[in-house]
Amino acid sequence: MRNMATKNVLLLALVILAIFASGCTGKELSAEEIAAQMLEKQDSIEDYSYTMHMTSYIGKKVVENELKTIYKKPHMIKNFIEEPGKEAETLVLSDGEFRWTYDPGTNTVMKTRIPESQELTENDYLSIIKISLNDTDLSLLGTEKIEGREAYLLMATPKETGEQAPAYSMKVWIDKESWMCLGYEMYDDNGKPVSKVEIRNLKVNIGIPDSEFEFKIPEGATIKTREPGSIEPPEELSLEEAKERVGFEILTPEYLPEGYEFSHAAVYNTSETAPEGQAYEAVILKYTKGEESISITEAVYEGQAPESAIMDTAEDVSINGAEGRYLSLGGINVLKWKLGSVNLGMTVFLEKDELLRIAESIRENA
């Protein structure tokens, strides 16, 4: 239930990916007919490659990133990910049997066997798209020129609003000649741009060989292997047990809304599996009131804490003088801030004022 809003946003984005990864024929098609055609044309897509240029708007600040993707049926994919603060791109490659993640900054390779249940298959993909279409209304706004190409302009909006539905709408540009997606823009519920994606250098059915997905281990790289199922579900611990298992002092809130009580804690440590310099240990504190819950995450990283792209659009807030980031996503409110070496995060369905009140009651121990 707590992941429903994020899932809906991802499903909404899959509508866009589905449009770009399909072709359709005909003239004067409505938005609904385009959606129907894209489902029918999946069989004709054997492989594709593209560069996705992403722009995020954070107040007056603009953040840009790129993702290069090469894909071949049924489940081979190669991604080059440009990350903020890193000079070299991270490579994530799935050859159908293993997933290889290479961080050139640390010269570290993580090798993970892909469980059969996680293989990307056409049926799974199509079923997700169909769910997306059930949650989204598509309308045709007209036509525009994008980089000299005539394109249809579509609007995708959630059918429902509220706690369990995304607040975002999207404009989508579809090439009239090739029926491929040329890009999309996402807007918040106030109509302000949140992010923009441009699909560049798109190539479809070019006969990408299997050798493109053969991972070659870089010279001198450290290799870490993870088997499926090697990560056991976290044990539910008391607060006292959790304090004994982490190397930092756990911070707890002095204030909780009426009716909420501590339920359990879970401890994580990635020192044996994470690439060098990226390990962390963390604790998640769960407070519940019936079916409702508050999750507080506290983590200490070996290196710099990773940046979350979804928080690029978050609002700057102050928590007892500390800088924080607040984001409301489909009714779920997320807050992130830092106290000393501890990175904190909270996810709740409560109002912003209540969320900040809880956060302000969490203080460093004297």
Protein backbone atom coordinates (compact mmCIF):
# COMPACT_ATOMS: atom_id res chain seq x y z
CA MET A 1 0.00 0.00 0.00
CA ARG A 2 2.85 2.39 0.88
CA ASN A 3 4.50 1.86 -2.52
CA MET A 4 1.28 2.34 -4.48
CA ALA A 5 1.80 5.99 -5.40
CA THR A 6 5.39 5.44 -6.58
CA LYS A 7 4.23 2.39 -8.53
CA ASN A 8 1.50 4.41 -10.22
CA VAL A 9 3.98 7.09 -11.29
CA LEU A 10 6.26 4.40 -12.74
CA LEU A 11 3.34 2.78 -14.51
CA LEU A 12 2.37 6.13 -15.97
CA ALA A 13 5.90 6.50 -17.34
CA LEU A 14 5.67 3.02 -18.88
CA VAL A 15 2.90 4.29 -21.13
CA ILE A 16 5.47 6.62 -22.62
CA LEU A 17 8.10 3.90 -22.96
CA ALA A 18 5.55 1.63 -24.61
CA ILE A 19 4.71 4.28 -27.17
CA PHE A 20 8.34 4.85 -28.09
CA ALA A 21 9.01 1.10 -28.33
CA SER A 22 6.28 0.44 -30.86
CA GLY A 23 5.15 1.50 -34.29
CA CYS A 24 1.69 1.89 -35.76
CA THR A 25 0.16 2.78 -39.06
CA GLY A 26 -2.78 4.79 -40.22
CA LYS A 27 -3.93 8.39 -40.41
CA GLU A 28 -6.05 10.56 -38.15
CA LEU A 29 -5.72 8.14 -35.24
CA SER A 30 -7.13 9.20 -31.88
CA ALA A 31 -5.10 8.89 -28.69
CA GLU A 32 -7.08 5.76 -27.78
CA GLU A 33 -6.34 4.21 -31.18
CA ILE A 34 -2.64 4.97 -30.75
CA ALA A 35 -2.70 3.17 -27.41
CA ALA A 36 -4.43 0.15 -28.94
CA GLN A 37 -1.98 0.04 -31.85
CA MET A 38 1.08 0.21 -29.64
CA LEU A 39 -0.02 -2.94 -27.81
CA GLU A 40 -0.52 -4.76 -31.10
CA LYS A 41 2.88 -3.77 -32.50
CA GLN A 42 5.06 -5.17 -29.72
CA ASP A 43 5.87 -8.31 -31.68
CA SER A 44 7.59 -6.25 -34.37
CA ILE A 45 10.18 -4.82 -31.96
CA GLU A 46 13.21 -7.10 -31.70
CA ASP A 47 15.81 -4.60 -30.51
CA TYR A 48 16.40 -0.89 -30.07
CA SER A 49 18.87 1.68 -28.77
CA TYR A 50 18.54 5.31 -27.72
CA THR A 51 19.97 8.09 -25.56
CA MET A 52 17.57 9.47 -22.99
CA HIS A 53 18.37 13.06 -22.01
CA MET A 54 16.66 13.97 -18.74
CA THR A 55 16.13 17.45 -17.33
CA SER A 56 14.82 18.08 -13.80
CA TYR A 57 13.57 21.46 -12.60
CA ILE A 58 14.32 22.22 -8.93
CA GLY A 59 13.07 25.72 -8.30
CA LYS A 60 15.35 27.87 -10.44
CA LYS A 61 17.94 25.10 -10.65
CA VAL A 62 18.11 22.80 -13.66
CA VAL A 63 19.74 19.34 -13.39
CA GLU A 64 20.55 17.29 -16.50
CA ASN A 65 21.48 13.61 -16.84
CA GLU A 66 21.73 11.04 -19.60
CA LEU A 67 21.01 7.33 -19.89
CA LYS A 68 22.12 5.28 -22.89
CA THR A 69 20.19 2.04 -23.44
CA ILE A 70 20.61 -0.94 -25.75
CA TYR A 71 17.91 -3.65 -25.62
CA LYS A 72 17.27 -6.97 -27.33
CA LYS A 73 14.49 -9.49 -26.81
CA PRO A 74 13.72 -11.29 -24.68
CA HIS A 75 15.72 -9.97 -21.71
CA MET A 76 19.09 -8.52 -22.67
CA ILE A 77 19.69 -4.89 -21.75
CA LYS A 78 22.68 -2.60 -21.43
CA ASN A 79 22.54 0.77 -19.66
CA PHE A 80 25.20 3.45 -19.36
CA ILE A 81 24.15 5.74 -16.50
CA GLU A 82 25.52 9.23 -16.03
CA GLU A 83 25.41 10.09 -12.33
CA PRO A 84 25.86 13.51 -10.70
CA GLY A 85 29.35 13.98 -9.30
CA LYS A 86 30.85 11.09 -11.29
CA GLU A 87 33.09 11.61 -14.30
CA ALA A 88 32.64 8.09 -15.73
CA GLU A 89 29.36 6.34 -16.50
CA THR A 90 28.14 3.36 -14.48
CA LEU A 91 27.42 0.30 -16.62
CA VAL A 92 24.52 -2.01 -15.80
CA LEU A 93 24.27 -4.99 -18.15
CA SER A 94 21.93 -7.99 -18.12
CA ASP A 95 22.84 -10.86 -20.44
CA GLY A 96 19.82 -12.97 -19.52
CA GLU A 97 21.69 -15.03 -16.93
CA PHE A 98 23.61 -12.48 -14.88
CA ARG A 99 23.29 -8.79 -14.08
CA TRP A 100 26.64 -7.01 -14.13
CA THR A 101 27.06 -3.60 -12.47
CA TYR A 102 30.39 -1.87 -13.05
CA ASP A 103 31.47 1.28 -11.21
CA PRO A 104 34.54 2.67 -13.02
CA GLY A 105 35.24 5.10 -10.17
CA THR A 106 36.04 2.22 -7.80
CA ASN A 107 36.82 -0.35 -10.54
CA THR A 108 34.32 -2.70 -8.89
CA VAL A 109 32.03 -5.27 -10.53
CA MET A 110 28.90 -6.67 -8.87
CA LYS A 111 27.76 -9.94 -10.46
CA THR A 112 24.25 -11.13 -9.63
CA ARG A 113 22.47 -14.18 -11.01
CA ILE A 114 19.06 -13.18 -12.37
CA PRO A 115 16.24 -15.30 -10.92
CA GLU A 116 13.90 -16.68 -13.58
CA SER A 117 11.04 -14.81 -11.91
CA GLN A 118 12.79 -11.50 -12.64
CA GLU A 119 13.53 -12.05 -16.32
CA LEU A 120 11.96 -9.40 -18.52
CA THR A 121 9.50 -11.22 -20.75
CA GLU A 122 7.09 -9.88 -23.31
CA ASN A 123 4.04 -11.09 -21.42
CA ASP A 124 5.13 -9.35 -18.21
CA TYR A 125 5.84 -6.17 -20.13
CA LEU A 126 2.49 -6.15 -21.89
CA SER A 127 0.58 -6.84 -18.69
CA ILE A 128 2.22 -3.80 -17.03
CA ILE A 129 1.33 -1.62 -20.02
CA LYS A 130 -2.30 -2.74 -19.88
CA ILE A 131 -2.46 -1.81 -16.19
CA SER A 132 -0.99 1.58 -17.06
CA LEU A 133 -3.64 2.22 -19.67
CA ASN A 134 -6.36 1.41 -17.16
CA ASP A 135 -4.97 4.08 -14.81
CA THR A 136 -4.42 6.78 -17.44
CA ASP A 137 -6.51 8.95 -19.74
CA LEU A 138 -4.90 9.85 -23.07
CA SER A 139 -6.00 12.78 -25.20
CA LEU A 140 -4.72 14.20 -28.48
CA LEU A 141 -3.84 17.92 -28.16
CA GLY A 142 -2.68 18.47 -31.74
CA THR A 143 0.59 18.45 -33.64
CA GLU A 144 3.93 20.20 -33.20
CA LYS A 145 7.38 20.17 -34.78
CA ILE A 146 10.14 18.59 -32.73
CA GLU A 147 13.65 19.00 -34.18
CA GLY A 148 12.15 19.43 -37.63
CA ARG A 149 9.87 16.40 -37.35
CA GLU A 150 6.07 16.56 -37.36
CA ALA A 151 4.78 15.01 -34.14
CA TYR A 152 1.47 14.28 -32.46
CA LEU A 153 1.13 15.86 -29.04
CA LEU A 154 -0.64 13.67 -26.47
CA MET A 155 -1.65 14.38 -22.88
CA ALA A 156 -1.57 11.56 -20.30
CA THR A 157 -3.42 12.20 -17.04
CA PRO A 158 -4.29 9.91 -14.11
CA LYS A 159 -7.91 8.77 -14.05
CA GLU A 160 -8.08 9.18 -10.30
CA THR A 161 -6.61 11.62 -7.81
CA GLY A 162 -6.08 11.37 -4.10
CA GLU A 163 -3.84 9.50 -1.70
CA GLN A 164 -3.32 6.45 -3.90
CA ALA A 165 -3.00 8.20 -7.27
CA PRO A 166 -0.16 10.22 -8.79
CA ALA A 167 -0.56 13.99 -9.05
CA TYR A 168 1.46 14.24 -12.25
CA SER A 169 0.34 14.71 -15.83
CA MET A 170 2.49 14.26 -18.94
CA LYS A 171 2.74 15.69 -22.44
CA VAL A 172 4.07 13.23 -25.00
CA TRP A 173 5.42 13.87 -28.49
CA ILE A 174 5.05 11.06 -31.08
CA ASP A 175 6.71 11.22 -34.49
CA LYS A 176 3.99 11.19 -37.19
CA GLU A 177 6.23 9.33 -39.65
CA SER A 178 7.80 6.60 -37.51
CA TRP A 179 5.31 6.63 -34.58
CA MET A 180 8.19 6.66 -32.11
CA CYS A 181 8.27 8.81 -28.98
CA LEU A 182 10.39 11.94 -29.35
CA GLY A 183 10.07 12.98 -25.72
CA TYR A 184 7.75 13.90 -22.87
CA GLU A 185 7.32 16.51 -20.14
CA MET A 186 5.94 15.92 -16.64
CA TYR A 187 3.99 18.53 -14.68
CA ASP A 188 2.91 18.71 -11.05
CA ASP A 189 -0.67 19.33 -9.95
CA ASN A 190 -0.07 23.10 -10.22
CA GLY A 191 0.96 22.81 -13.87
CA LYS A 192 4.64 23.55 -13.17
CA PRO A 193 7.23 21.48 -15.10
CA VAL A 194 8.86 18.78 -13.01
CA SER A 195 10.99 16.98 -15.58
CA LYS A 196 11.58 16.67 -19.29
CA VAL A 197 12.82 13.64 -21.25
CA GLU A 198 14.12 13.67 -24.81
CA ILE A 199 14.69 10.42 -26.73
CA ARG A 200 17.69 10.94 -29.00
CA ASN A 201 19.44 8.75 -31.57
CA LEU A 202 16.59 6.23 -31.50
CA LYS A 203 17.24 3.14 -33.64
CA VAL A 204 14.81 0.22 -33.90
CA ASN A 205 15.33 -3.32 -35.28
CA ILE A 206 18.93 -2.77 -36.37
CA GLY A 207 20.04 -6.36 -35.73
CA ILE A 208 21.94 -5.88 -32.47
CA PRO A 209 24.15 -8.99 -31.97
CA ASP A 210 24.19 -11.01 -28.75
CA SER A 211 27.89 -10.15 -28.42
CA GLU A 212 26.85 -6.59 -27.50
CA PHE A 213 25.67 -7.98 -24.15
CA GLU A 214 28.83 -9.98 -23.30
CA PHE A 215 30.39 -8.39 -20.23
CA LYS A 216 34.17 -8.13 -20.27
CA ILE A 217 35.68 -7.74 -16.82
CA PRO A 218 37.97 -4.67 -16.74
CA GLU A 219 41.61 -5.25 -15.87
CA GLY A 220 42.28 -5.20 -12.15
CA ALA A 221 38.60 -4.91 -11.22
CA THR A 222 37.35 -6.21 -7.88
CA ILE A 223 34.53 -8.72 -8.42
CA LYS A 224 31.77 -9.30 -5.90
CA THR A 225 29.18 -12.02 -6.45
CA ARG A 226 25.66 -12.15 -5.14
CA GLU A 227 23.38 -15.16 -5.60
CA PRO A 228 19.59 -14.77 -5.71
CA GLY A 229 18.12 -15.31 -2.29
CA SER A 230 21.44 -14.45 -0.62
CA ILE A 231 19.80 -11.45 0.99
CA GLU A 232 17.40 -12.71 3.61
CA PRO A 233 14.35 -10.69 4.64
CA PRO A 234 15.33 -8.42 7.53
CA GLU A 235 14.65 -9.71 11.02
CA GLU A 236 12.13 -7.74 13.08
CA LEU A 237 14.00 -6.45 16.11
CA SER A 238 13.26 -4.59 19.29
CA LEU A 239 14.85 -1.16 19.63
CA GLU A 240 17.36 -2.54 22.12
CA GLU A 241 18.36 -5.37 19.76
CA ALA A 242 18.76 -2.92 16.87
CA LYS A 243 21.04 -0.68 18.96
CA GLU A 244 23.35 -3.63 19.58
CA ARG A 245 23.68 -4.42 15.85
CA VAL A 246 24.62 -1.05 14.38
CA GLY A 247 27.81 0.95 14.79
CA PHE A 248 26.09 4.30 15.25
CA GLU A 249 23.69 5.71 17.82
CA ILE A 250 20.06 5.29 16.79
CA LEU A 251 17.99 8.47 17.04
CA THR A 252 14.34 8.24 18.06
CA PRO A 253 11.51 10.80 17.92
CA GLU A 254 10.32 12.42 21.11
CA TYR A 255 6.99 13.24 19.45
CA LEU A 256 4.57 10.89 17.67
CA PRO A 257 0.96 11.57 16.62
CA GLU A 258 -1.62 10.20 18.99
CA GLY A 259 -2.11 6.44 18.76
CA TYR A 260 1.23 5.61 17.11
CA GLU A 261 3.50 3.13 18.88
CA PHE A 262 6.86 1.53 18.11
CA SER A 263 6.37 -1.72 16.19
CA HIS A 264 9.82 -3.03 15.25
CA ALA A 265 13.19 -2.20 13.75
CA ALA A 266 15.14 -3.73 10.86
CA VAL A 267 18.91 -3.51 10.39
CA TYR A 268 20.87 -3.57 7.12
CA ASN A 269 24.62 -3.76 6.44
CA THR A 270 25.97 -3.88 2.86
CA SER A 271 29.69 -4.01 3.68
CA GLU A 272 30.07 -7.48 2.11
CA THR A 273 28.16 -6.79 -1.10
CA ALA A 274 28.46 -3.10 -1.99
CA PRO A 275 31.21 -1.74 -4.26
CA GLU A 276 34.18 -0.19 -2.48
CA GLY A 277 33.31 3.15 -0.93
CA GLN A 278 29.55 2.62 -1.29
CA ALA A 279 28.78 0.38 1.69
CA TYR A 280 26.38 1.53 4.39
CA GLU A 281 24.63 0.33 7.51
CA ALA A 282 21.11 1.38 8.27
CA VAL A 283 18.17 0.90 10.57
CA ILE A 284 14.50 1.31 9.75
CA LEU A 285 12.21 2.15 12.65
CA LYS A 286 8.54 1.30 12.16
CA TYR A 287 5.78 2.98 14.17
CA THR A 288 2.18 1.87 13.63
CA LYS A 289 -1.38 2.87 14.39
CA GLY A 290 -3.68 0.11 13.19
CA GLU A 291 -3.01 -0.25 9.44
CA GLU A 292 -1.20 3.10 9.26
CA SER A 293 2.55 3.39 9.74
CA ILE A 294 5.49 5.77 9.96
CA SER A 295 8.87 4.61 8.64
CA ILE A 296 12.05 6.35 9.78
CA THR A 297 15.29 5.34 8.05
CA GLU A 298 18.71 6.16 9.50
CA ALA A 299 21.84 5.33 7.51
CA VAL A 300 25.58 5.92 7.76
CA TYR A 301 27.51 5.61 4.49
CA GLU A 302 31.12 4.61 4.01
CA GLY A 303 31.41 7.30 1.32
CA GLN A 304 29.02 9.94 0.08
CA ALA A 305 25.31 9.18 0.34
CA PRO A 306 23.77 8.53 -3.11
CA GLU A 307 21.47 11.12 -4.60
CA SER A 308 17.89 10.16 -5.39
CA ALA A 309 16.62 11.44 -8.75
CA ILE A 310 13.05 11.48 -7.47
CA MET A 311 14.10 14.03 -4.80
CA ASP A 312 15.42 16.44 -7.45
CA THR A 313 12.01 18.12 -7.48
CA ALA A 314 11.70 18.25 -3.68
CA GLU A 315 11.14 21.42 -1.66
CA ASP A 316 13.88 22.83 0.58
CA VAL A 317 12.88 22.83 4.27
CA SER A 318 14.59 23.57 7.58
CA ILE A 319 14.60 21.09 10.47
CA ASN A 320 16.00 22.68 13.63
CA GLY A 321 18.39 24.63 11.42
CA ALA A 322 19.43 21.59 9.35
CA GLU A 323 18.77 21.55 5.61
CA GLY A 324 16.13 19.07 4.50
CA ARG A 325 14.18 18.06 1.41
CA TYR A 326 10.41 17.49 1.37
CA LEU A 327 8.38 15.82 -1.39
CA SER A 328 4.69 14.98 -1.65
CA LEU A 329 4.06 12.14 -4.08
CA GLY A 330 0.48 10.98 -4.59
CA GLY A 331 -0.44 11.47 -0.96
CA ILE A 332 2.78 9.93 0.39
CA ASN A 333 5.02 12.55 2.02
CA VAL A 334 8.78 12.03 2.03
CA LEU A 335 11.34 13.95 4.09
CA LYS A 336 15.15 13.62 4.00
CA TRP A 337 17.74 15.42 6.14
CA LYS A 338 21.03 14.80 7.97
CA LEU A 339 22.17 15.00 11.58
CA GLY A 340 25.92 14.65 12.00
CA SER A 341 26.96 11.53 10.05
CA VAL A 342 23.44 10.04 10.05
CA ASN A 343 21.28 10.40 6.94
CA LEU A 344 17.60 10.35 7.90
CA GLY A 345 14.49 9.75 5.86
CA MET A 346 10.82 9.52 6.73
CA THR A 347 7.87 8.29 4.67
CA VAL A 348 4.32 8.88 5.90
CA PHE A 349 0.74 9.63 4.86
CA LEU A 350 0.57 12.44 7.42
CA GLU A 351 0.32 16.14 6.61
CA LYS A 352 3.51 18.14 6.05
CA ASP A 353 3.26 20.04 9.36
CA GLU A 354 2.92 16.82 11.31
CA LEU A 355 5.81 15.24 9.42
CA LEU A 356 8.07 18.19 10.23
CA ARG A 357 7.00 18.12 13.87
CA ILE A 358 8.11 14.48 14.17
CA ALA A 359 11.42 15.26 12.44
CA GLU A 360 12.12 18.24 14.70
CA SER A 361 11.67 15.99 17.74
CA ILE A 362 14.54 13.76 16.54
CA ARG A 363 17.73 15.23 17.93
CA GLU A 364 21.35 14.19 18.20
CA ASN A 365 22.10 12.57 21.53
CA ALA A 366 24.21 14.74 23.81
